[in-house]
Structures are given as C-alpha cells and as structure tokens.
Amino acid sequence: MRAVGNEPDYRFSLANERTFLAGVRTALALLAAGVAVIQFLPAAIPRPARLVLGLLLIGLALLLAATSHRRWRRVERAMRLGEPLPPSWTTWIVGTGLSVAAVITAVLMLVT
C-alpha cells in the first residue's frame, strides 16, 4: 500500500483508520446482539423467529467485518493517488438490514 502514490496528510489517514475501527466495533456489537437474540430471548418467542432475527444480525456483522478492511484500503489508495473517494454500498445494506431487524422485532413484540 505504501508503494502507491504520495503520502496523504496524516489526519486523513487517521480518520480513515477510525472509520475502519468503527466498522469493526459495530460488527462486534451486531455479532453480540445476534448471539443474544438466539440464546437469551425468552422462550415465549418461537425459536425459528429468534433464529431469523439473530442470523440476520450475525450476517450483517459478517458483511461489515468483511468489507471494512477492503473499504479502508480502497480509501487509502484513493487518497494516495489523489482520486475521488470510492463509493460504498455497505452503509446502505447495513442500514436496510437493521431496519428489517427493527420491523421483525416490533412484530415479535406485538405478537407475543
């Protein structure tokens, strides 16, 4: 990575790194939430519903963890080459996934 382009302003590199770490932190929180939903929700909520919700959260965690480093590298490369920052669908996918999880949670709360 360092062999490409010019060294960017360190503040931008550090901001990019903080964004990467925020993605990893959020992925860990989503993973913990998914495990908690599957393992610790009351038995009053059917297990298949808990599995769907929990696996959705775990899947979002996997997506975010898998794409955070790639995003960091792409942004770092763009900064070094003086190119525009690359677009990312990750935030849209995670936001939509969390919205679906919120709807499922609301339905489960109303039904049980």
N, C-alpha and C. Protein backbone atom coordinates (compact mmCIF):
# COMPACT_ATOMS: atom_id res chain seq x y z
N MET A 1 0.84 -1.20 0.00
CA MET A 1 0.00 0.00 0.00
C MET A 1 0.87 1.25 0.00
N ARG A 2 1.92 1.25 0.77
CA ARG A 2 2.76 2.45 0.87
C ARG A 2 3.54 2.73 -0.41
N ALA A 3 3.64 1.75 -1.30
CA ALA A 3 4.40 1.95 -2.53
C ALA A 3 3.60 2.71 -3.57
N VAL A 4 2.32 2.94 -3.31
CA VAL A 4 1.45 3.59 -4.29
C VAL A 4 1.28 5.06 -3.95
N GLY A 5 1.49 5.93 -4.93
CA GLY A 5 1.19 7.35 -4.77
C GLY A 5 2.02 8.06 -3.72
N ASN A 6 1.46 9.18 -3.26
CA ASN A 6 2.12 10.04 -2.27
C ASN A 6 1.49 9.86 -0.89
N GLU A 7 2.31 10.12 0.10
CA GLU A 7 1.82 10.03 1.49
C GLU A 7 0.75 11.10 1.72
N PRO A 8 -0.48 10.71 2.09
CA PRO A 8 -1.51 11.72 2.34
C PRO A 8 -1.30 12.39 3.70
N ASP A 9 -2.01 13.46 3.91
CA ASP A 9 -1.99 14.14 5.20
C ASP A 9 -2.36 13.11 6.28
N TYR A 10 -1.56 13.03 7.32
CA TYR A 10 -1.77 12.00 8.34
C TYR A 10 -3.14 12.10 8.99
N ARG A 11 -3.73 13.29 9.04
CA ARG A 11 -5.06 13.43 9.64
C ARG A 11 -6.10 12.66 8.85
N PHE A 12 -5.97 12.65 7.53
CA PHE A 12 -6.92 11.91 6.71
C PHE A 12 -6.72 10.41 6.86
N SER A 13 -5.47 9.99 6.94
CA SER A 13 -5.19 8.56 7.16
C SER A 13 -5.74 8.09 8.50
N LEU A 14 -5.56 8.93 9.53
CA LEU A 14 -6.06 8.56 10.85
C LEU A 14 -7.59 8.55 10.88
N ALA A 15 -8.22 9.48 10.18
CA ALA A 15 -9.69 9.49 10.10
C ALA A 15 -10.18 8.25 9.38
N ASN A 16 -9.48 7.84 8.33
CA ASN A 16 -9.84 6.62 7.60
C ASN A 16 -9.70 5.40 8.51
N GLU A 17 -8.64 5.38 9.31
CA GLU A 17 -8.44 4.27 10.24
C GLU A 17 -9.54 4.24 11.30
N ARG A 18 -9.93 5.41 11.80
CA ARG A 18 -11.01 5.46 12.80
C ARG A 18 -12.32 4.94 12.21
N THR A 19 -12.57 5.24 10.95
CA THR A 19 -13.76 4.74 10.28
C THR A 19 -13.72 3.22 10.19
N PHE A 20 -12.55 2.69 9.84
CA PHE A 20 -12.39 1.22 9.81
C PHE A 20 -12.66 0.61 11.19
N LEU A 21 -12.08 1.20 12.23
CA LEU A 21 -12.27 0.66 13.57
C LEU A 21 -13.72 0.78 14.03
N ALA A 22 -14.41 1.84 13.62
CA ALA A 22 -15.83 1.97 13.95
C ALA A 22 -16.64 0.85 13.28
N GLY A 23 -16.27 0.49 12.06
CA GLY A 23 -16.94 -0.62 11.39
C GLY A 23 -16.72 -1.93 12.12
N VAL A 24 -15.49 -2.17 12.57
CA VAL A 24 -15.18 -3.39 13.31
C VAL A 24 -15.94 -3.41 14.64
N ARG A 25 -15.98 -2.27 15.33
CA ARG A 25 -16.70 -2.18 16.61
C ARG A 25 -18.19 -2.44 16.41
N THR A 26 -18.76 -1.89 15.35
CA THR A 26 -20.17 -2.10 15.06
C THR A 26 -20.43 -3.56 14.71
N ALA A 27 -19.52 -4.17 13.96
CA ALA A 27 -19.66 -5.59 13.62
C ALA A 27 -19.65 -6.45 14.88
N LEU A 28 -18.79 -6.13 15.83
CA LEU A 28 -18.76 -6.89 17.08
C LEU A 28 -20.06 -6.72 17.86
N ALA A 29 -20.61 -5.51 17.87
CA ALA A 29 -21.89 -5.27 18.55
C ALA A 29 -23.02 -6.04 17.88
N LEU A 30 -23.04 -6.06 16.54
CA LEU A 30 -24.06 -6.81 15.82
C LEU A 30 -23.94 -8.30 16.08
N LEU A 31 -22.72 -8.80 16.14
CA LEU A 31 -22.49 -10.21 16.44
C LEU A 31 -23.00 -10.55 17.84
N ALA A 32 -22.66 -9.72 18.80
CA ALA A 32 -23.12 -9.96 20.18
C ALA A 32 -24.65 -9.90 20.26
N ALA A 33 -25.25 -8.95 19.54
CA ALA A 33 -26.71 -8.85 19.55
C ALA A 33 -27.34 -10.08 18.92
N GLY A 34 -26.77 -10.57 17.83
CA GLY A 34 -27.31 -11.77 17.18
C GLY A 34 -27.24 -12.99 18.09
N VAL A 35 -26.11 -13.17 18.76
CA VAL A 35 -25.98 -14.30 19.69
C VAL A 35 -26.96 -14.14 20.85
N ALA A 36 -27.09 -12.94 21.37
CA ALA A 36 -28.01 -12.70 22.48
C ALA A 36 -29.46 -12.99 22.08
N VAL A 37 -29.84 -12.57 20.89
CA VAL A 37 -31.21 -12.81 20.42
C VAL A 37 -31.48 -14.32 20.35
N ILE A 38 -30.55 -15.07 19.81
CA ILE A 38 -30.75 -16.51 19.65
C ILE A 38 -30.72 -17.22 21.00
N GLN A 39 -29.80 -16.85 21.86
CA GLN A 39 -29.58 -17.61 23.09
C GLN A 39 -30.37 -17.12 24.30
N PHE A 40 -30.67 -15.83 24.38
CA PHE A 40 -31.17 -15.30 25.64
C PHE A 40 -32.57 -14.71 25.60
N LEU A 41 -33.20 -14.63 24.44
CA LEU A 41 -34.58 -14.12 24.42
C LEU A 41 -35.48 -15.15 25.09
N PRO A 42 -36.56 -14.69 25.69
CA PRO A 42 -37.45 -15.62 26.39
C PRO A 42 -38.02 -16.69 25.46
N ALA A 43 -38.35 -17.80 26.05
CA ALA A 43 -38.92 -18.92 25.29
C ALA A 43 -40.30 -18.58 24.74
N ALA A 44 -40.90 -17.49 25.19
CA ALA A 44 -42.20 -17.08 24.68
C ALA A 44 -42.12 -16.72 23.20
N ILE A 45 -40.94 -16.34 22.74
CA ILE A 45 -40.74 -16.05 21.31
C ILE A 45 -40.28 -17.34 20.65
N PRO A 46 -40.97 -17.78 19.60
CA PRO A 46 -40.62 -19.05 18.96
C PRO A 46 -39.17 -19.06 18.46
N ARG A 47 -38.53 -20.22 18.61
CA ARG A 47 -37.12 -20.34 18.21
C ARG A 47 -36.88 -19.99 16.75
N PRO A 48 -37.74 -20.39 15.79
CA PRO A 48 -37.48 -20.01 14.40
C PRO A 48 -37.43 -18.48 14.21
N ALA A 49 -38.29 -17.75 14.91
CA ALA A 49 -38.27 -16.29 14.80
C ALA A 49 -36.98 -15.73 15.40
N ARG A 50 -36.55 -16.30 16.52
CA ARG A 50 -35.28 -15.85 17.12
C ARG A 50 -34.11 -16.14 16.20
N LEU A 51 -34.15 -17.31 15.55
CA LEU A 51 -33.07 -17.66 14.62
C LEU A 51 -33.01 -16.71 13.43
N VAL A 52 -34.17 -16.38 12.87
CA VAL A 52 -34.18 -15.46 11.73
C VAL A 52 -33.59 -14.12 12.13
N LEU A 53 -34.06 -13.56 13.23
CA LEU A 53 -33.58 -12.26 13.68
C LEU A 53 -32.09 -12.32 14.05
N GLY A 54 -31.72 -13.33 14.82
CA GLY A 54 -30.32 -13.46 15.24
C GLY A 54 -29.37 -13.68 14.07
N LEU A 55 -29.76 -14.54 13.14
CA LEU A 55 -28.90 -14.79 11.99
C LEU A 55 -28.82 -13.58 11.06
N LEU A 56 -29.88 -12.79 10.99
CA LEU A 56 -29.83 -11.54 10.23
C LEU A 56 -28.77 -10.61 10.83
N LEU A 57 -28.79 -10.47 12.14
CA LEU A 57 -27.80 -9.60 12.81
C LEU A 57 -26.38 -10.14 12.65
N ILE A 58 -26.22 -11.46 12.76
CA ILE A 58 -24.90 -12.07 12.59
C ILE A 58 -24.43 -11.91 11.15
N GLY A 59 -25.34 -12.05 10.19
CA GLY A 59 -24.99 -11.84 8.79
C GLY A 59 -24.54 -10.41 8.52
N LEU A 60 -25.23 -9.45 9.13
CA LEU A 60 -24.82 -8.05 8.98
C LEU A 60 -23.44 -7.83 9.58
N ALA A 61 -23.18 -8.49 10.72
CA ALA A 61 -21.85 -8.38 11.35
C ALA A 61 -20.78 -8.93 10.42
N LEU A 62 -21.06 -10.07 9.81
CA LEU A 62 -20.10 -10.68 8.89
C LEU A 62 -19.84 -9.77 7.69
N LEU A 63 -20.89 -9.23 7.13
CA LEU A 63 -20.75 -8.31 5.99
C LEU A 63 -19.90 -7.10 6.36
N LEU A 64 -20.21 -6.50 7.48
CA LEU A 64 -19.49 -5.30 7.89
C LEU A 64 -18.02 -5.60 8.20
N ALA A 65 -17.77 -6.69 8.89
CA ALA A 65 -16.39 -7.05 9.20
C ALA A 65 -15.61 -7.38 7.94
N ALA A 66 -16.26 -8.05 7.00
CA ALA A 66 -15.57 -8.45 5.77
C ALA A 66 -15.29 -7.26 4.85
N THR A 67 -16.11 -6.24 4.89
CA THR A 67 -15.93 -5.12 3.96
C THR A 67 -15.19 -3.93 4.56
N SER A 68 -15.06 -3.87 5.87
CA SER A 68 -14.43 -2.71 6.50
C SER A 68 -12.97 -2.55 6.08
N HIS A 69 -12.22 -3.62 6.09
CA HIS A 69 -10.80 -3.53 5.73
C HIS A 69 -10.65 -3.20 4.25
N ARG A 70 -11.46 -3.82 3.43
CA ARG A 70 -11.41 -3.53 1.99
C ARG A 70 -11.70 -2.05 1.73
N ARG A 71 -12.68 -1.52 2.43
CA ARG A 71 -13.03 -0.10 2.28
C ARG A 71 -11.86 0.78 2.72
N TRP A 72 -11.23 0.42 3.85
CA TRP A 72 -10.09 1.19 4.33
C TRP A 72 -8.99 1.23 3.26
N ARG A 73 -8.67 0.08 2.68
CA ARG A 73 -7.62 0.02 1.66
C ARG A 73 -7.97 0.83 0.42
N ARG A 74 -9.23 0.76 -0.02
CA ARG A 74 -9.65 1.50 -1.21
C ARG A 74 -9.56 3.01 -0.98
N VAL A 75 -9.99 3.46 0.20
CA VAL A 75 -9.94 4.89 0.51
C VAL A 75 -8.49 5.35 0.64
N GLU A 76 -7.67 4.56 1.31
CA GLU A 76 -6.24 4.91 1.46
C GLU A 76 -5.57 5.03 0.10
N ARG A 77 -5.86 4.09 -0.79
CA ARG A 77 -5.29 4.13 -2.14
C ARG A 77 -5.76 5.38 -2.90
N ALA A 78 -7.05 5.67 -2.81
CA ALA A 78 -7.59 6.86 -3.50
C ALA A 78 -6.93 8.13 -2.98
N MET A 79 -6.74 8.23 -1.66
CA MET A 79 -6.09 9.42 -1.10
C MET A 79 -4.65 9.53 -1.59
N ARG A 80 -3.93 8.42 -1.66
CA ARG A 80 -2.54 8.44 -2.11
C ARG A 80 -2.41 8.84 -3.57
N LEU A 81 -3.41 8.48 -4.37
CA LEU A 81 -3.35 8.78 -5.80
C LEU A 81 -4.08 10.07 -6.17
N GLY A 82 -4.68 10.73 -5.17
CA GLY A 82 -5.40 11.97 -5.43
C GLY A 82 -6.69 11.76 -6.21
N GLU A 83 -7.28 10.59 -6.08
CA GLU A 83 -8.51 10.25 -6.78
C GLU A 83 -9.72 10.52 -5.89
N PRO A 84 -10.93 10.58 -6.48
CA PRO A 84 -12.13 10.70 -5.65
C PRO A 84 -12.30 9.46 -4.78
N LEU A 85 -12.91 9.65 -3.63
CA LEU A 85 -13.14 8.51 -2.74
C LEU A 85 -14.13 7.54 -3.38
N PRO A 86 -13.89 6.25 -3.22
CA PRO A 86 -14.76 5.25 -3.86
C PRO A 86 -16.12 5.16 -3.16
N PRO A 87 -17.16 4.85 -3.92
CA PRO A 87 -18.48 4.69 -3.30
C PRO A 87 -18.55 3.36 -2.54
N SER A 88 -19.53 3.26 -1.66
CA SER A 88 -19.70 2.03 -0.89
C SER A 88 -21.18 1.77 -0.67
N TRP A 89 -21.58 0.52 -0.87
CA TRP A 89 -22.96 0.10 -0.61
C TRP A 89 -23.11 -0.45 0.80
N THR A 90 -22.04 -0.61 1.51
CA THR A 90 -22.08 -1.23 2.83
C THR A 90 -23.02 -0.50 3.78
N THR A 91 -22.94 0.81 3.81
CA THR A 91 -23.78 1.55 4.75
C THR A 91 -25.26 1.39 4.41
N TRP A 92 -25.58 1.35 3.12
CA TRP A 92 -26.98 1.17 2.71
C TRP A 92 -27.46 -0.23 3.10
N ILE A 93 -26.61 -1.24 2.87
CA ILE A 93 -27.00 -2.62 3.18
C ILE A 93 -27.18 -2.80 4.68
N VAL A 94 -26.24 -2.29 5.48
CA VAL A 94 -26.35 -2.43 6.94
C VAL A 94 -27.55 -1.65 7.46
N GLY A 95 -27.78 -0.45 6.94
CA GLY A 95 -28.94 0.33 7.36
C GLY A 95 -30.25 -0.36 7.03
N THR A 96 -30.34 -0.92 5.84
CA THR A 96 -31.54 -1.64 5.44
C THR A 96 -31.71 -2.90 6.29
N GLY A 97 -30.62 -3.61 6.52
CA GLY A 97 -30.70 -4.82 7.36
C GLY A 97 -31.15 -4.51 8.77
N LEU A 98 -30.64 -3.42 9.33
CA LEU A 98 -31.08 -3.04 10.68
C LEU A 98 -32.54 -2.60 10.69
N SER A 99 -32.98 -1.97 9.62
CA SER A 99 -34.40 -1.60 9.53
C SER A 99 -35.28 -2.84 9.49
N VAL A 100 -34.87 -3.84 8.73
CA VAL A 100 -35.62 -5.10 8.68
C VAL A 100 -35.62 -5.76 10.06
N ALA A 101 -34.48 -5.75 10.74
CA ALA A 101 -34.40 -6.33 12.09
C ALA A 101 -35.32 -5.59 13.04
N ALA A 102 -35.41 -4.27 12.92
CA ALA A 102 -36.30 -3.49 13.78
C ALA A 102 -37.75 -3.84 13.52
N VAL A 103 -38.12 -4.02 12.27
CA VAL A 103 -39.50 -4.40 11.93
C VAL A 103 -39.81 -5.79 12.49
N ILE A 104 -38.90 -6.73 12.30
CA ILE A 104 -39.11 -8.09 12.84
C ILE A 104 -39.26 -8.03 14.36
N THR A 105 -38.43 -7.25 15.02
CA THR A 105 -38.51 -7.11 16.47
C THR A 105 -39.85 -6.52 16.89
N ALA A 106 -40.30 -5.49 16.19
CA ALA A 106 -41.59 -4.87 16.52
C ALA A 106 -42.74 -5.86 16.34
N VAL A 107 -42.70 -6.62 15.26
CA VAL A 107 -43.75 -7.62 15.02
C VAL A 107 -43.74 -8.68 16.12
N LEU A 108 -42.55 -9.15 16.48
CA LEU A 108 -42.45 -10.17 17.55
C LEU A 108 -42.97 -9.63 18.87
N MET A 109 -42.72 -8.36 19.15
CA MET A 109 -43.19 -7.76 20.41
C MET A 109 -44.72 -7.65 20.41
N LEU A 110 -45.30 -7.36 19.27
CA LEU A 110 -46.75 -7.22 19.19
C LEU A 110 -47.47 -8.57 19.20
N VAL A 111 -46.84 -9.57 18.62
CA VAL A 111 -47.47 -10.90 18.50
C VAL A 111 -47.40 -11.68 19.80
N THR A 112 -46.30 -11.56 20.53
CA THR A 112 -46.14 -12.37 21.75
C THR A 112 -46.56 -11.61 22.99
